[in-house]
Amino acid sequence: MGLLDLFKSTKKAEPLCLKWMEVDMHSHLIPGIDDGSQSLKESIALIKRLESYGLRKLITTPHVMTEFYKNTPEIISEGLTRLHEGLDKEGVKMDVEAAAEYYLDEVFVEKLEKDEPLLTFGDNYILVETGFMNKPRMLQETFFALETKGYKPILAHPERYLYLHQDPDMLESLIEKSVTFQVNLLSFTGYYSKPVKVLAEKLLERRLVRFVGTDCHNNRYLDSLESITASKSYQKLKESKFMNSLL
């Protein structure tokens, strides 16, 4: 083994610090209501870990998805109350709020048309996602309807949608319609795939990213997230001006 190899093998990875991010606005930390944390104990452990990275606030966003996660504002509010009680017992001071990650489907459009209450955060921001493969039939019309009703839509992890890889011009079209983008930090590690990483890097380079999030579901996510310090994008992320701090 040469001296250079010895140096590489003994050099410690930079510890993950997310103080620059301040607020994580995408996670799944309310126990047992979606594919995120499945117990109060797990949720508290994840929040302690996120706190150790220097975050000051978490806005957790359970899935609302007709076929799988029929969460309502009441279910989410009750879950948040239980989570707060558990955090208080453990002496955890992290500020935790809740909104939702809405799946854009016909049921969501119906809720919008009927003016049913939707969970938002910050300046009336609403986090939405779509299927990963095909563009939703009413995508741009739904975003327009959201804006008409006073919501400010944020598209969760656009770098993960195959239809946007196939039609990158649609990214510009969505931005023109005042849709903002939230990119997952894990995308910069290659966690999902190389093409996802490449598109995340392009969005960052073109300054099209307004929010970033951990999309934390469990400890495996955070284990992988800690490798982001070795990513070529890590320094640029730290130096970028995202809107998270305004939440």
Protein backbone atom coordinates (compact mmCIF):
# COMPACT_ATOMS: atom_id res chain seq x y z
CA MET A 1 0.00 0.00 0.00
CA GLY A 2 1.41 3.40 -1.03
CA LEU A 3 1.39 6.52 1.12
CA LEU A 4 -1.47 8.02 -0.91
CA ASP A 5 -3.57 4.88 -0.44
CA LEU A 6 -2.84 4.94 3.29
CA PHE A 7 -3.92 8.58 3.49
CA LYS A 8 -7.18 7.84 1.65
CA SER A 9 -7.98 4.89 3.87
CA THR A 10 -7.45 6.84 7.11
CA LYS A 11 -9.07 10.12 6.10
CA LYS A 12 -12.39 10.53 7.89
CA ALA A 13 -15.49 11.64 6.02
CA GLU A 14 -16.72 15.12 6.85
CA PRO A 15 -19.59 14.92 9.37
CA LEU A 16 -22.96 15.88 7.92
CA CYS A 17 -24.04 19.40 8.89
CA LEU A 18 -27.37 20.83 7.72
CA LYS A 19 -27.28 24.14 9.59
CA TRP A 20 -27.22 25.90 6.23
CA MET A 21 -30.60 24.33 5.43
CA GLU A 22 -32.22 25.30 8.76
CA VAL A 23 -35.63 23.78 7.99
CA ASP A 24 -36.39 20.37 6.52
CA MET A 25 -39.77 20.66 4.79
CA HIS A 26 -40.14 17.10 3.48
CA SER A 27 -40.15 14.03 5.73
CA HIS A 28 -42.36 11.20 6.95
CA LEU A 29 -42.04 11.21 10.73
CA ILE A 30 -45.58 10.79 12.08
CA PRO A 31 -45.61 7.13 13.14
CA GLY A 32 -47.76 4.53 11.45
CA ILE A 33 -49.72 6.58 8.93
CA ASP A 34 -47.67 6.10 5.75
CA ASP A 35 -44.49 4.36 4.56
CA GLY A 36 -42.27 6.41 6.88
CA SER A 37 -41.66 5.87 10.57
CA GLN A 38 -43.70 2.98 11.96
CA SER A 39 -43.45 3.68 15.70
CA LEU A 40 -43.20 6.59 18.11
CA LYS A 41 -39.84 5.29 19.29
CA GLU A 42 -38.52 5.31 15.72
CA SER A 43 -39.87 8.81 15.08
CA ILE A 44 -38.19 10.22 18.18
CA ALA A 45 -34.89 8.58 17.26
CA LEU A 46 -35.06 10.00 13.72
CA ILE A 47 -35.87 13.49 15.00
CA LYS A 48 -32.98 13.37 17.46
CA ARG A 49 -30.70 12.40 14.61
CA LEU A 50 -32.00 15.20 12.38
CA GLU A 51 -31.51 17.62 15.27
CA SER A 52 -27.89 16.49 15.58
CA TYR A 53 -27.29 17.67 12.00
CA GLY A 54 -28.07 21.24 13.05
CA LEU A 55 -31.63 21.60 11.78
CA ARG A 56 -33.82 23.95 13.82
CA LYS A 57 -37.25 22.96 12.47
CA LEU A 58 -38.98 20.04 10.75
CA ILE A 59 -42.13 20.22 8.65
CA THR A 60 -43.16 16.60 8.30
CA THR A 61 -45.31 15.72 5.29
CA PRO A 62 -47.22 12.41 5.40
CA HIS A 63 -48.41 10.97 2.11
CA VAL A 64 -52.00 11.62 1.11
CA MET A 65 -52.64 9.06 -1.61
CA THR A 66 -56.09 7.69 -2.42
CA GLU A 67 -55.18 4.06 -3.00
CA PHE A 68 -52.70 3.67 -0.15
CA TYR A 69 -52.66 6.44 2.45
CA LYS A 70 -56.08 7.92 3.12
CA ASN A 71 -54.77 10.52 5.52
CA THR A 72 -56.98 13.46 6.43
CA PRO A 73 -56.06 16.70 8.20
CA GLU A 74 -57.62 15.20 11.35
CA ILE A 75 -55.54 11.99 11.18
CA ILE A 76 -52.37 13.99 10.61
CA SER A 77 -53.18 16.45 13.41
CA GLU A 78 -53.85 13.63 15.87
CA GLY A 79 -50.60 11.92 14.87
CA LEU A 80 -48.67 15.16 15.33
CA THR A 81 -50.14 15.59 18.81
CA ARG A 82 -48.99 12.09 19.81
CA LEU A 83 -45.56 12.84 18.37
CA HIS A 84 -45.31 16.12 20.32
CA GLU A 85 -46.27 14.32 23.53
CA GLY A 86 -43.56 11.72 22.93
CA LEU A 87 -40.95 14.37 22.18
CA ASP A 88 -41.88 16.29 25.33
CA LYS A 89 -41.42 13.17 27.47
CA GLU A 90 -37.98 12.67 25.96
CA GLY A 91 -37.03 16.32 26.41
CA VAL A 92 -36.55 16.86 22.68
CA LYS A 93 -36.94 20.55 21.86
CA MET A 94 -37.04 20.32 18.06
CA ASP A 95 -39.81 22.40 16.49
CA VAL A 96 -41.97 19.94 14.52
CA GLU A 97 -44.93 20.98 12.36
CA ALA A 98 -47.01 18.94 9.92
CA ALA A 99 -48.40 19.48 6.44
CA ALA A 100 -48.78 16.77 3.78
CA GLU A 101 -47.39 15.43 0.52
CA TYR A 102 -50.38 15.23 -1.80
CA TYR A 103 -50.48 12.80 -4.70
CA LEU A 104 -51.95 14.45 -7.78
CA ASP A 105 -54.86 12.26 -8.85
CA GLU A 106 -58.56 12.65 -9.60
CA VAL A 107 -59.50 12.56 -5.92
CA PHE A 108 -57.07 15.40 -5.18
CA VAL A 109 -58.60 17.44 -8.02
CA GLU A 110 -62.07 16.79 -6.56
CA LYS A 111 -60.92 18.01 -3.14
CA LEU A 112 -59.56 21.13 -4.79
CA GLU A 113 -62.78 21.77 -6.71
CA LYS A 114 -64.87 21.30 -3.55
CA ASP A 115 -62.61 23.64 -1.56
CA GLU A 116 -61.88 20.94 0.99
CA PRO A 117 -59.20 21.97 3.50
CA LEU A 118 -55.67 21.14 2.37
CA LEU A 119 -52.62 21.20 4.61
CA THR A 120 -50.09 23.90 3.81
CA PHE A 121 -47.02 25.44 5.44
CA GLY A 122 -45.15 28.72 5.36
CA ASP A 123 -46.68 31.21 2.92
CA ASN A 124 -49.52 28.85 1.88
CA TYR A 125 -47.14 26.40 0.21
CA ILE A 126 -48.52 22.99 -0.68
CA LEU A 127 -46.26 20.00 -1.40
CA VAL A 128 -47.39 17.73 -4.22
CA GLU A 129 -46.04 14.67 -5.98
CA THR A 130 -46.98 12.62 -9.05
CA GLY A 131 -46.43 9.11 -10.32
CA PHE A 132 -42.82 8.45 -11.27
CA MET A 133 -43.37 7.08 -14.77
CA ASN A 134 -46.09 8.96 -16.65
CA LYS A 135 -47.07 12.61 -16.70
CA PRO A 136 -50.48 13.12 -15.05
CA ARG A 137 -53.15 13.98 -17.58
CA MET A 138 -54.15 17.23 -15.88
CA LEU A 139 -50.76 18.25 -14.47
CA GLN A 140 -50.52 21.84 -15.63
CA GLU A 141 -54.25 22.46 -15.25
CA THR A 142 -54.10 21.26 -11.64
CA PHE A 143 -51.19 23.56 -10.86
CA PHE A 144 -53.12 26.45 -12.40
CA ALA A 145 -56.17 25.59 -10.27
CA LEU A 146 -54.01 25.52 -7.13
CA GLU A 147 -52.65 28.97 -7.87
CA THR A 148 -56.13 30.30 -8.67
CA LYS A 149 -57.25 29.22 -5.19
CA GLY A 150 -54.30 30.95 -3.54
CA TYR A 151 -51.98 27.99 -3.02
CA LYS A 152 -48.29 28.04 -3.90
CA PRO A 153 -47.47 24.58 -5.29
CA ILE A 154 -44.13 22.91 -4.68
CA LEU A 155 -43.35 19.87 -6.81
CA ALA A 156 -41.58 17.28 -4.68
CA HIS A 157 -38.44 15.64 -6.10
CA PRO A 158 -38.89 16.49 -9.83
CA GLU A 159 -35.52 14.84 -10.50
CA ARG A 160 -37.13 11.44 -9.86
CA TYR A 161 -39.88 11.64 -12.50
CA LEU A 162 -39.12 9.74 -15.69
CA TYR A 163 -41.46 11.90 -17.78
CA LEU A 164 -39.37 14.97 -16.89
CA HIS A 165 -36.19 13.15 -17.91
CA GLN A 166 -37.84 12.46 -21.27
CA ASP A 167 -39.19 15.99 -21.69
CA PRO A 168 -36.86 18.44 -19.92
CA ASP A 169 -38.60 21.42 -21.56
CA MET A 170 -41.53 20.69 -19.26
CA LEU A 171 -39.38 21.82 -16.33
CA GLU A 172 -39.23 25.33 -17.77
CA SER A 173 -42.94 25.21 -18.55
CA LEU A 174 -43.79 24.39 -14.94
CA ILE A 175 -41.55 27.16 -13.62
CA GLU A 176 -43.30 29.62 -15.94
CA LYS A 177 -46.53 28.59 -14.22
CA SER A 178 -45.03 29.52 -10.83
CA VAL A 179 -44.40 25.95 -9.69
CA THR A 180 -41.36 25.72 -7.43
CA PHE A 181 -39.12 22.67 -7.15
CA GLN A 182 -38.00 20.75 -4.06
CA VAL A 183 -35.09 18.39 -4.66
CA ASN A 184 -34.22 15.51 -2.34
CA LEU A 185 -30.73 15.74 -0.84
CA LEU A 186 -30.41 11.98 -1.28
CA SER A 187 -30.58 12.45 -5.05
CA PHE A 188 -27.11 14.00 -4.97
CA THR A 189 -25.68 10.80 -3.47
CA GLY A 190 -26.90 8.54 -6.28
CA TYR A 191 -29.25 6.81 -3.83
CA TYR A 192 -32.09 6.52 -6.35
CA SER A 193 -30.11 6.14 -9.59
CA LYS A 194 -27.38 7.83 -11.61
CA PRO A 195 -29.84 9.60 -13.98
CA VAL A 196 -31.68 11.02 -10.96
CA LYS A 197 -28.39 12.29 -9.57
CA VAL A 198 -27.47 13.88 -12.90
CA LEU A 199 -30.79 15.72 -13.20
CA ALA A 200 -30.59 16.91 -9.59
CA GLU A 201 -27.14 18.33 -10.31
CA LYS A 202 -28.42 20.05 -13.47
CA LEU A 203 -31.32 21.62 -11.61
CA LEU A 204 -28.94 22.87 -8.92
CA GLU A 205 -26.46 24.19 -11.48
CA ARG A 206 -29.24 26.06 -13.32
CA ARG A 207 -30.52 27.49 -10.03
CA LEU A 208 -33.96 25.98 -10.49
CA VAL A 209 -34.11 24.49 -6.98
CA ARG A 210 -36.01 26.58 -4.43
CA PHE A 211 -36.33 24.03 -1.63
CA VAL A 212 -34.39 20.96 -0.54
CA GLY A 213 -35.53 18.19 1.78
CA THR A 214 -34.39 14.94 3.32
CA ASP A 215 -37.59 13.04 2.46
CA CYS A 216 -36.60 11.03 5.53
CA HIS A 217 -38.58 7.81 6.00
CA ASN A 218 -36.26 5.77 8.22
CA ASN A 219 -32.68 5.36 9.42
CA ARG A 220 -31.59 3.87 6.11
CA TYR A 221 -32.33 7.20 4.45
CA LEU A 222 -30.19 9.07 6.96
CA ASP A 223 -27.37 6.52 6.77
CA SER A 224 -27.20 7.14 3.03
CA LEU A 225 -27.65 10.89 3.42
CA GLU A 226 -24.48 11.14 5.48
CA SER A 227 -22.49 10.20 2.37
CA ILE A 228 -23.55 13.47 0.71
CA THR A 229 -20.51 15.17 2.24
CA ALA A 230 -18.41 13.30 -0.33
CA SER A 231 -20.59 14.53 -3.19
CA LYS A 232 -19.25 17.19 -5.54
CA SER A 233 -22.56 19.04 -5.00
CA TYR A 234 -22.27 19.31 -1.22
CA GLN A 235 -20.30 22.57 -1.17
CA LYS A 236 -22.59 24.14 -3.78
CA LEU A 237 -25.62 23.10 -1.73
CA LYS A 238 -24.18 24.78 1.35
CA GLU A 239 -23.49 27.97 -0.59
CA SER A 240 -26.87 28.13 -2.35
CA LYS A 241 -29.70 30.34 -1.15
CA PHE A 242 -32.75 28.14 -0.70
CA MET A 243 -36.13 29.22 0.66
CA ASN A 244 -36.13 26.68 3.51
CA SER A 245 -34.84 29.26 5.97
CA LEU A 246 -37.95 31.40 5.39
CA LEU A 247 -40.34 28.71 6.62
